[in-house]
PDB file of N, CA and C in Angstrom:
ATOM      1  N   MET A   1     -24.684 -11.804  -4.137  1.00  0.00           N
ATOM      2  CA  MET A   1     -23.788 -11.175  -3.173  1.00  0.00           C
ATOM      3  C   MET A   1     -22.891 -10.180  -3.909  1.00  0.00           C
ATOM      4  N   GLU A   2     -22.762  -8.979  -3.376  1.00  0.00           N
ATOM      5  CA  GLU A   2     -21.931  -7.941  -3.978  1.00  0.00           C
ATOM      6  C   GLU A   2     -20.465  -8.191  -3.659  1.00  0.00           C
ATOM      7  N   LYS A   3     -19.623  -7.982  -4.652  1.00  0.00           N
ATOM      8  CA  LYS A   3     -18.188  -8.147  -4.478  1.00  0.00           C
ATOM      9  C   LYS A   3     -17.664  -7.052  -3.545  1.00  0.00           C
ATOM     10  N   LEU A   4     -16.902  -7.445  -2.527  1.00  0.00           N
ATOM     11  CA  LEU A   4     -16.420  -6.494  -1.529  1.00  0.00           C
ATOM     12  C   LEU A   4     -15.297  -5.614  -2.051  1.00  0.00           C
ATOM     13  N   MET A   5     -14.404  -6.206  -2.844  1.00  0.00           N
ATOM     14  CA  MET A   5     -13.268  -5.462  -3.373  1.00  0.00           C
ATOM     15  C   MET A   5     -12.765  -6.159  -4.621  1.00  0.00           C
ATOM     16  N   ASP A   6     -12.022  -5.434  -5.437  1.00  0.00           N
ATOM     17  CA  ASP A   6     -11.500  -5.980  -6.675  1.00  0.00           C
ATOM     18  C   ASP A   6     -10.026  -6.358  -6.584  1.00  0.00           C
ATOM     19  N   LYS A   7      -9.290  -5.667  -5.724  1.00  0.00           N
ATOM     20  CA  LYS A   7      -7.860  -5.925  -5.594  1.00  0.00           C
ATOM     21  C   LYS A   7      -7.461  -5.975  -4.123  1.00  0.00           C
ATOM     22  N   MET A   8      -6.502  -6.833  -3.838  1.00  0.00           N
ATOM     23  CA  MET A   8      -5.854  -6.870  -2.538  1.00  0.00           C
ATOM     24  C   MET A   8      -4.423  -6.400  -2.779  1.00  0.00           C
ATOM     25  N   VAL A   9      -4.025  -5.365  -2.053  1.00  0.00           N
ATOM     26  CA  VAL A   9      -2.709  -4.784  -2.239  1.00  0.00           C
ATOM     27  C   VAL A   9      -1.891  -5.007  -0.973  1.00  0.00           C
ATOM     28  N   PHE A  10      -0.718  -5.579  -1.161  1.00  0.00           N
ATOM     29  CA  PHE A  10       0.250  -5.741  -0.079  1.00  0.00           C
ATOM     30  C   PHE A  10       1.391  -4.784  -0.390  1.00  0.00           C
ATOM     31  N   ALA A  11       1.694  -3.898   0.542  1.00  0.00           N
ATOM     32  CA  ALA A  11       2.762  -2.926   0.307  1.00  0.00           C
ATOM     33  C   ALA A  11       3.717  -2.930   1.484  1.00  0.00           C
ATOM     34  N   ILE A  12       4.991  -3.052   1.173  1.00  0.00           N
ATOM     35  CA  ILE A  12       6.045  -2.963   2.186  1.00  0.00           C
ATOM     36  C   ILE A  12       6.580  -1.542   2.088  1.00  0.00           C
ATOM     37  N   ILE A  13       6.322  -0.762   3.128  1.00  0.00           N
ATOM     38  CA  ILE A  13       6.593   0.669   3.112  1.00  0.00           C
ATOM     39  C   ILE A  13       7.710   1.003   4.101  1.00  0.00           C
ATOM     40  N   ALA A  14       8.673   1.795   3.667  1.00  0.00           N
ATOM     41  CA  ALA A  14       9.736   2.248   4.573  1.00  0.00           C
ATOM     42  C   ALA A  14       9.102   3.023   5.722  1.00  0.00           C
ATOM     43  N   ASP A  15       9.599   2.768   6.919  1.00  0.00           N
ATOM     44  CA  ASP A  15       9.028   3.406   8.119  1.00  0.00           C
ATOM     45  C   ASP A  15       9.002   4.928   8.025  1.00  0.00           C
ATOM     46  N   ARG A  16       9.933   5.506   7.291  1.00  0.00           N
ATOM     47  CA  ARG A  16       9.971   6.977   7.199  1.00  0.00           C
ATOM     48  C   ARG A  16       8.772   7.547   6.442  1.00  0.00           C
ATOM     49  N   PHE A  17       8.029   6.707   5.719  1.00  0.00           N
ATOM     50  CA  PHE A  17       6.867   7.157   4.948  1.00  0.00           C
ATOM     51  C   PHE A  17       5.526   6.687   5.513  1.00  0.00           C
ATOM     52  N   ILE A  18       5.535   5.732   6.423  1.00  0.00           N
ATOM     53  CA  ILE A  18       4.293   5.041   6.790  1.00  0.00           C
ATOM     54  C   ILE A  18       3.245   5.972   7.396  1.00  0.00           C
ATOM     55  N   GLY A  19       3.629   6.899   8.249  1.00  0.00           N
ATOM     56  CA  GLY A  19       2.655   7.785   8.891  1.00  0.00           C
ATOM     57  C   GLY A  19       1.890   8.617   7.879  1.00  0.00           C
ATOM     58  N   ASP A  20       2.605   9.291   6.986  1.00  0.00           N
ATOM     59  CA  ASP A  20       1.957  10.118   5.962  1.00  0.00           C
ATOM     60  C   ASP A  20       1.128   9.266   5.006  1.00  0.00           C
ATOM     61  N   PHE A  21       1.637   8.086   4.661  1.00  0.00           N
ATOM     62  CA  PHE A  21       0.925   7.199   3.734  1.00  0.00           C
ATOM     63  C   PHE A  21      -0.418   6.762   4.315  1.00  0.00           C
ATOM     64  N   VAL A  22      -0.410   6.273   5.540  1.00  0.00           N
ATOM     65  CA  VAL A  22      -1.650   5.821   6.179  1.00  0.00           C
ATOM     66  C   VAL A  22      -2.614   6.993   6.368  1.00  0.00           C
ATOM     67  N   ASP A  23      -2.110   8.142   6.770  1.00  0.00           N
ATOM     68  CA  ASP A  23      -2.973   9.321   6.928  1.00  0.00           C
ATOM     69  C   ASP A  23      -3.683   9.663   5.623  1.00  0.00           C
ATOM     70  N   GLU A  24      -2.957   9.636   4.509  1.00  0.00           N
ATOM     71  CA  GLU A  24      -3.569   9.963   3.213  1.00  0.00           C
ATOM     72  C   GLU A  24      -4.580   8.909   2.787  1.00  0.00           C
ATOM     73  N   LEU A  25      -4.289   7.638   3.070  1.00  0.00           N
ATOM     74  CA  LEU A  25      -5.261   6.583   2.744  1.00  0.00           C
ATOM     75  C   LEU A  25      -6.561   6.802   3.506  1.00  0.00           C
ATOM     76  N   LEU A  26      -6.447   7.077   4.792  1.00  0.00           N
ATOM     77  CA  LEU A  26      -7.646   7.265   5.611  1.00  0.00           C
ATOM     78  C   LEU A  26      -8.422   8.504   5.174  1.00  0.00           C
ATOM     79  N   GLU A  27      -7.726   9.572   4.795  1.00  0.00           N
ATOM     80  CA  GLU A  27      -8.402  10.769   4.280  1.00  0.00           C
ATOM     81  C   GLU A  27      -9.170  10.461   2.998  1.00  0.00           C
ATOM     82  N   ALA A  28      -8.642   9.516   2.201  1.00  0.00           N
ATOM     83  CA  ALA A  28      -9.286   9.129   0.944  1.00  0.00           C
ATOM     84  C   ALA A  28     -10.341   8.046   1.163  1.00  0.00           C
ATOM     85  N   ASP A  29     -10.607   7.703   2.420  1.00  0.00           N
ATOM     86  CA  ASP A  29     -11.576   6.672   2.778  1.00  0.00           C
ATOM     87  C   ASP A  29     -11.195   5.302   2.219  1.00  0.00           C
ATOM     88  N   ILE A  30      -9.884   5.026   2.240  1.00  0.00           N
ATOM     89  CA  ILE A  30      -9.356   3.719   1.847  1.00  0.00           C
ATOM     90  C   ILE A  30      -8.881   3.039   3.120  1.00  0.00           C
ATOM     91  N   SER A  31      -9.469   1.893   3.431  1.00  0.00           N
ATOM     92  CA  SER A  31      -9.118   1.168   4.657  1.00  0.00           C
ATOM     93  C   SER A  31      -7.762   0.496   4.504  1.00  0.00           C
ATOM     94  N   VAL A  32      -7.046   0.442   5.609  1.00  0.00           N
ATOM     95  CA  VAL A  32      -5.703  -0.140   5.598  1.00  0.00           C
ATOM     96  C   VAL A  32      -5.471  -0.869   6.912  1.00  0.00           C
ATOM     97  N   THR A  33      -4.744  -1.973   6.847  1.00  0.00           N
ATOM     98  CA  THR A  33      -4.334  -2.712   8.028  1.00  0.00           C
ATOM     99  C   THR A  33      -2.817  -2.766   8.040  1.00  0.00           C
ATOM    100  N   GLU A  34      -2.216  -2.336   9.142  1.00  0.00           N
ATOM    101  CA  GLU A  34      -0.761  -2.373   9.284  1.00  0.00           C
ATOM    102  C   GLU A  34      -0.351  -3.646  10.007  1.00  0.00           C
ATOM    103  N   MET A  35       0.771  -4.224   9.548  1.00  0.00           N
ATOM    104  CA  MET A  35       1.320  -5.417  10.194  1.00  0.00           C
ATOM    105  C   MET A  35       2.811  -5.186  10.422  1.00  0.00           C
ATOM    106  N   ALA A  36       3.281  -5.555  11.586  1.00  0.00           N
ATOM    107  CA  ALA A  36       4.718  -5.485  11.841  1.00  0.00           C
ATOM    108  C   ALA A  36       5.412  -6.477  10.913  1.00  0.00           C
ATOM    109  N   SER A  37       6.544  -6.068  10.354  1.00  0.00           N
ATOM    110  CA  SER A  37       7.255  -6.970   9.451  1.00  0.00           C
ATOM    111  C   SER A  37       8.743  -6.708   9.541  1.00  0.00           C
ATOM    112  N   SER A  38       9.506  -7.666   9.085  1.00  0.00           N
ATOM    113  CA  SER A  38      10.948  -7.504   9.006  1.00  0.00           C
ATOM    114  C   SER A  38      11.428  -8.294   7.803  1.00  0.00           C
ATOM    115  N   GLY A  39      12.590  -7.972   7.339  1.00  0.00           N
ATOM    116  CA  GLY A  39      13.123  -8.658   6.174  1.00  0.00           C
ATOM    117  C   GLY A  39      13.998  -7.733   5.370  1.00  0.00           C
ATOM    118  N   GLY A  40      14.423  -8.205   4.224  1.00  0.00           N
ATOM    119  CA  GLY A  40      15.414  -7.481   3.452  1.00  0.00           C
ATOM    120  C   GLY A  40      14.924  -6.694   2.265  1.00  0.00           C
ATOM    121  N   PHE A  41      13.622  -6.568   2.050  1.00  0.00           N
ATOM    122  CA  PHE A  41      13.137  -5.857   0.870  1.00  0.00           C
ATOM    123  C   PHE A  41      13.703  -4.445   0.767  1.00  0.00           C
ATOM    124  N   LEU A  42      13.648  -3.676   1.849  1.00  0.00           N
ATOM    125  CA  LEU A  42      14.029  -2.274   1.788  1.00  0.00           C
ATOM    126  C   LEU A  42      15.357  -1.980   2.465  1.00  0.00           C
ATOM    127  N   LYS A  43      15.943  -2.955   3.100  1.00  0.00           N
ATOM    128  CA  LYS A  43      17.220  -2.772   3.793  1.00  0.00           C
ATOM    129  C   LYS A  43      17.146  -1.700   4.870  1.00  0.00           C
ATOM    130  N   GLU A  44      15.962  -1.511   5.447  1.00  0.00           N
ATOM    131  CA  GLU A  44      15.754  -0.562   6.534  1.00  0.00           C
ATOM    132  C   GLU A  44      14.457  -0.934   7.236  1.00  0.00           C
ATOM    133  N   GLY A  45      14.100  -0.224   8.301  1.00  0.00           N
ATOM    134  CA  GLY A  45      12.847  -0.492   8.999  1.00  0.00           C
ATOM    135  C   GLY A  45      11.662  -0.327   8.052  1.00  0.00           C
ATOM    136  N   ASN A  46      10.688  -1.218   8.174  1.00  0.00           N
ATOM    137  CA  ASN A  46       9.532  -1.145   7.287  1.00  0.00           C
ATOM    138  C   ASN A  46       8.284  -1.644   7.972  1.00  0.00           C
ATOM    139  N   THR A  47       7.159  -1.327   7.361  1.00  0.00           N
ATOM    140  CA  THR A  47       5.851  -1.787   7.806  1.00  0.00           C
ATOM    141  C   THR A  47       5.133  -2.347   6.595  1.00  0.00           C
ATOM    142  N   THR A  48       4.469  -3.477   6.761  1.00  0.00           N
ATOM    143  CA  THR A  48       3.667  -4.047   5.682  1.00  0.00           C
ATOM    144  C   THR A  48       2.220  -3.650   5.904  1.00  0.00           C
ATOM    145  N   VAL A  49       1.580  -3.186   4.841  1.00  0.00           N
ATOM    146  CA  VAL A  49       0.167  -2.837   4.921  1.00  0.00           C
ATOM    147  C   VAL A  49      -0.623  -3.699   3.952  1.00  0.00           C
ATOM    148  N   VAL A  50      -1.849  -3.997   4.344  1.00  0.00           N
ATOM    149  CA  VAL A  50      -2.789  -4.733   3.498  1.00  0.00           C
ATOM    150  C   VAL A  50      -3.941  -3.785   3.216  1.00  0.00           C
ATOM    151  N   ILE A  51      -4.249  -3.635   1.924  1.00  0.00           N
ATOM    152  CA  ILE A  51      -5.260  -2.675   1.503  1.00  0.00           C
ATOM    153  C   ILE A  51      -6.194  -3.367   0.520  1.00  0.00           C
ATOM    154  N   GLY A  52      -7.477  -3.321   0.789  1.00  0.00           N
ATOM    155  CA  GLY A  52      -8.468  -3.841  -0.152  1.00  0.00           C
ATOM    156  C   GLY A  52      -9.142  -2.673  -0.848  1.00  0.00           C
ATOM    157  N   VAL A  53      -9.141  -2.685  -2.188  1.00  0.00           N
ATOM    158  CA  VAL A  53      -9.719  -1.567  -2.932  1.00  0.00           C
ATOM    159  C   VAL A  53     -10.585  -2.060  -4.075  1.00  0.00           C
ATOM    160  N   ASN A  54     -11.548  -1.226  -4.444  1.00  0.00           N
ATOM    161  CA  ASN A  54     -12.302  -1.426  -5.669  1.00  0.00           C
ATOM    162  C   ASN A  54     -11.467  -0.870  -6.813  1.00  0.00           C
ATOM    163  N   ASP A  55     -11.835  -1.222  -8.044  1.00  0.00           N
ATOM    164  CA  ASP A  55     -11.074  -0.743  -9.193  1.00  0.00           C
ATOM    165  C   ASP A  55     -10.984   0.782  -9.229  1.00  0.00           C
ATOM    166  N   HIS A  56     -12.071   1.466  -8.882  1.00  0.00           N
ATOM    167  CA  HIS A  56     -12.049   2.930  -8.942  1.00  0.00           C
ATOM    168  C   HIS A  56     -11.147   3.541  -7.861  1.00  0.00           C
ATOM    169  N   GLN A  57     -10.876   2.815  -6.775  1.00  0.00           N
ATOM    170  CA  GLN A  57      -9.982   3.318  -5.725  1.00  0.00           C
ATOM    171  C   GLN A  57      -8.518   3.028  -6.037  1.00  0.00           C
ATOM    172  N   TYR A  58      -8.273   2.067  -6.926  1.00  0.00           N
ATOM    173  CA  TYR A  58      -6.900   1.651  -7.203  1.00  0.00           C
ATOM    174  C   TYR A  58      -6.074   2.789  -7.807  1.00  0.00           C
ATOM    175  N   GLY A  59      -6.675   3.555  -8.701  1.00  0.00           N
ATOM    176  CA  GLY A  59      -5.973   4.698  -9.273  1.00  0.00           C
ATOM    177  C   GLY A  59      -5.611   5.718  -8.216  1.00  0.00           C
ATOM    178  N   GLU A  60      -6.523   5.971  -7.309  1.00  0.00           N
ATOM    179  CA  GLU A  60      -6.261   6.913  -6.219  1.00  0.00           C
ATOM    180  C   GLU A  60      -5.145   6.400  -5.306  1.00  0.00           C
ATOM    181  N   LEU A  61      -5.137   5.096  -5.053  1.00  0.00           N
ATOM    182  CA  LEU A  61      -4.083   4.489  -4.240  1.00  0.00           C
ATOM    183  C   LEU A  61      -2.721   4.707  -4.907  1.00  0.00           C
ATOM    184  N   LYS A  62      -2.641   4.492  -6.204  1.00  0.00           N
ATOM    185  CA  LYS A  62      -1.373   4.688  -6.915  1.00  0.00           C
ATOM    186  C   LYS A  62      -0.926   6.151  -6.856  1.00  0.00           C
ATOM    187  N   GLU A  63      -1.877   7.083  -6.956  1.00  0.00           N
ATOM    188  CA  GLU A  63      -1.539   8.505  -6.850  1.00  0.00           C
ATOM    189  C   GLU A  63      -0.982   8.832  -5.463  1.00  0.00           C
ATOM    190  N   ILE A  64      -1.589   8.264  -4.426  1.00  0.00           N
ATOM    191  CA  ILE A  64      -1.105   8.497  -3.060  1.00  0.00           C
ATOM    192  C   ILE A  64       0.302   7.935  -2.895  1.00  0.00           C
ATOM    193  N   LEU A  65       0.543   6.725  -3.399  1.00  0.00           N
ATOM    194  CA  LEU A  65       1.886   6.139  -3.333  1.00  0.00           C
ATOM    195  C   LEU A  65       2.906   7.046  -4.008  1.00  0.00           C
ATOM    196  N   GLN A  66       2.566   7.541  -5.180  1.00  0.00           N
ATOM    197  CA  GLN A  66       3.502   8.406  -5.912  1.00  0.00           C
ATOM    198  C   GLN A  66       3.752   9.707  -5.161  1.00  0.00           C
ATOM    199  N   ARG A  67       2.701  10.303  -4.645  1.00  0.00           N
ATOM    200  CA  ARG A  67       2.824  11.593  -3.957  1.00  0.00           C
ATOM    201  C   ARG A  67       3.626  11.470  -2.660  1.00  0.00           C
ATOM    202  N   VAL A  68       3.319  10.452  -1.869  1.00  0.00           N
ATOM    203  CA  VAL A  68       3.952  10.324  -0.549  1.00  0.00           C
ATOM    204  C   VAL A  68       5.346   9.711  -0.637  1.00  0.00           C
ATOM    205  N   ILE A  69       5.522   8.734  -1.513  1.00  0.00           N
ATOM    206  CA  ILE A  69       6.772   7.978  -1.538  1.00  0.00           C
ATOM    207  C   ILE A  69       7.587   8.239  -2.797  1.00  0.00           C
ATOM    208  N   GLY A  70       6.935   8.180  -3.945  1.00  0.00           N
ATOM    209  CA  GLY A  70       7.653   8.259  -5.219  1.00  0.00           C
ATOM    210  C   GLY A  70       8.404   9.553  -5.441  1.00  0.00           C
ATOM    211  N   ASP A  71       7.877  10.643  -4.974  1.00  0.00           N
ATOM    212  CA  ASP A  71       8.531  11.928  -5.167  1.00  0.00           C
ATOM    213  C   ASP A  71       9.730  12.133  -4.244  1.00  0.00           C
ATOM    214  N   HIS A  72       9.945  11.216  -3.301  1.00  0.00           N
ATOM    215  CA  HIS A  72      10.988  11.399  -2.293  1.00  0.00           C
ATOM    216  C   HIS A  72      12.046  10.305  -2.327  1.00  0.00           C
ATOM    217  N   THR A  73      12.081   9.517  -3.399  1.00  0.00           N
ATOM    218  CA  THR A  73      13.070   8.450  -3.491  1.00  0.00           C
ATOM    219  C   THR A  73      13.798   8.543  -4.823  1.00  0.00           C
ATOM    220  N   ASP A  74      14.981   7.974  -4.860  1.00  0.00           N
ATOM    221  CA  ASP A  74      15.794   7.932  -6.068  1.00  0.00           C
ATOM    222  C   ASP A  74      15.429   6.668  -6.838  1.00  0.00           C
ATOM    223  N   PRO A  75      14.867   6.798  -8.053  1.00  0.00           N
ATOM    224  CA  PRO A  75      14.441   5.612  -8.797  1.00  0.00           C
ATOM    225  C   PRO A  75      15.586   4.681  -9.161  1.00  0.00           C
ATOM    226  N   GLU A  76      16.815   5.167  -9.133  1.00  0.00           N
ATOM    227  CA  GLU A  76      17.978   4.335  -9.452  1.00  0.00           C
ATOM    228  C   GLU A  76      18.484   3.561  -8.234  1.00  0.00           C
ATOM    229  N   SER A  77      17.993   3.909  -7.063  1.00  0.00           N
ATOM    230  CA  SER A  77      18.486   3.308  -5.823  1.00  0.00           C
ATOM    231  C   SER A  77      17.832   1.962  -5.556  1.00  0.00           C
ATOM    232  N   VAL A  78      18.616   1.057  -4.994  1.00  0.00           N
ATOM    233  CA  VAL A  78      18.081  -0.234  -4.550  1.00  0.00           C
ATOM    234  C   VAL A  78      17.178  -0.028  -3.342  1.00  0.00           C
ATOM    235  N   HIS A  79      17.410   1.057  -2.606  1.00  0.00           N
ATOM    236  CA  HIS A  79      16.669   1.354  -1.384  1.00  0.00           C
ATOM    237  C   HIS A  79      15.452   2.214  -1.708  1.00  0.00           C
ATOM    238  N   SER A  80      14.517   1.649  -2.403  1.00  0.00           N
ATOM    239  CA  SER A  80      13.300   2.394  -2.723  1.00  0.00           C
ATOM    240  C   SER A  80      12.473   2.570  -1.460  1.00  0.00           C
ATOM    241  N   GLY A  81      11.399   3.340  -1.564  1.00  0.00           N
ATOM    242  CA  GLY A  81      10.573   3.597  -0.400  1.00  0.00           C
ATOM    243  C   GLY A  81       9.468   2.599  -0.195  1.00  0.00           C
ATOM    244  N   ALA A  82       9.198   1.761  -1.216  1.00  0.00           N
ATOM    245  CA  ALA A  82       8.104   0.795  -1.090  1.00  0.00           C
ATOM    246  C   ALA A  82       8.227  -0.298  -2.156  1.00  0.00           C
ATOM    247  N   HIS A  83       7.715  -1.447  -1.809  1.00  0.00           N
ATOM    248  CA  HIS A  83       7.486  -2.537  -2.763  1.00  0.00           C
ATOM    249  C   HIS A  83       6.001  -2.851  -2.667  1.00  0.00           C
ATOM    250  N   VAL A  84       5.318  -2.841  -3.806  1.00  0.00           N
ATOM    251  CA  VAL A  84       3.865  -2.970  -3.825  1.00  0.00           C
ATOM    252  C   VAL A  84       3.459  -4.135  -4.707  1.00  0.00           C
ATOM    253  N   PHE A  85       2.556  -4.967  -4.190  1.00  0.00           N
ATOM    254  CA  PHE A  85       2.049  -6.133  -4.909  1.00  0.00           C
ATOM    255  C   PHE A  85       0.532  -6.053  -4.926  1.00  0.00           C
ATOM    256  N   ALA A  86      -0.054  -5.997  -6.114  1.00  0.00           N
ATOM    257  CA  ALA A  86      -1.512  -5.923  -6.247  1.00  0.00           C
ATOM    258  C   ALA A  86      -2.018  -7.215  -6.869  1.00  0.00           C
ATOM    259  N   ILE A  87      -3.037  -7.797  -6.253  1.00  0.00           N
ATOM    260  CA  ILE A  87      -3.601  -9.065  -6.698  1.00  0.00           C
ATOM    261  C   ILE A  87      -5.068  -8.862  -7.033  1.00  0.00           C
ATOM    262  N   ASP A  88      -5.454  -9.227  -8.250  1.00  0.00           N
ATOM    263  CA  ASP A  88      -6.871  -9.183  -8.616  1.00  0.00           C
ATOM    264  C   ASP A  88      -7.602 -10.294  -7.872  1.00  0.00           C
ATOM    265  N   LEU A  89      -8.722  -9.950  -7.274  1.00  0.00           N
ATOM    266  CA  LEU A  89      -9.486 -10.928  -6.497  1.00  0.00           C
ATOM    267  C   LEU A  89     -10.618 -11.523  -7.331  1.00  0.00           C
ATOM    268  N   VAL A  90     -10.777 -12.807  -7.206  1.00  0.00           N
ATOM    269  CA  VAL A  90     -11.906 -13.481  -7.837  1.00  0.00           C
ATOM    270  C   VAL A  90     -13.104 -13.416  -6.911  1.00  0.00           C
ATOM    271  N   LYS A  91     -12.832 -13.566  -5.613  1.00  0.00           N
ATOM    272  CA  LYS A  91     -13.905 -13.593  -4.630  1.00  0.00           C
ATOM    273  C   LYS A  91     -13.398 -13.105  -3.294  1.00  0.00           C
ATOM    274  N   GLY A  92     -14.204 -12.351  -2.594  1.00  0.00           N
ATOM    275  CA  GLY A  92     -13.879 -11.932  -1.232  1.00  0.00           C
ATOM    276  C   GLY A  92     -15.119 -12.094  -0.372  1.00  0.00           C
ATOM    277  N   LEU A  93     -14.927 -12.506   0.847  1.00  0.00           N
ATOM    278  CA  LEU A  93     -16.051 -12.721   1.756  1.00  0.00           C
ATOM    279  C   LEU A  93     -15.881 -11.902   3.018  1.00  0.00           C
ATOM    280  N   SER A  94     -16.974 -11.435   3.553  1.00  0.00           N
ATOM    281  CA  SER A  94     -16.954 -10.788   4.854  1.00  0.00           C
ATOM    282  C   SER A  94     -17.796 -11.660   5.778  1.00  0.00           C
ATOM    283  N   ILE A  95     -17.177 -12.172   6.823  1.00  0.00           N
ATOM    284  CA  ILE A  95     -17.880 -13.108   7.707  1.00  0.00           C
ATOM    285  C   ILE A  95     -18.035 -12.471   9.090  1.00  0.00           C
TER     286      ILE A  95
END
């Protein structure tokens, strides 16, 4: 059985960036699932996305994050534009 993906990425994205971020992911042929979320990570409205990527797509994902979000936030601020968690997968199944 072929491995479906190498990493599962959970990203909490500030609402002000989510539209452009998802658009760029889809243009890059990276699938994304949006989930409504709330909490204190960003101290503002946010959306959590789940993204499954192969190793070769992970670099592109990081470039998109930097381009859409990183260039528009103050790195010294507690109110960043995203919190991103990447998990290496041992196994993934499609049922």
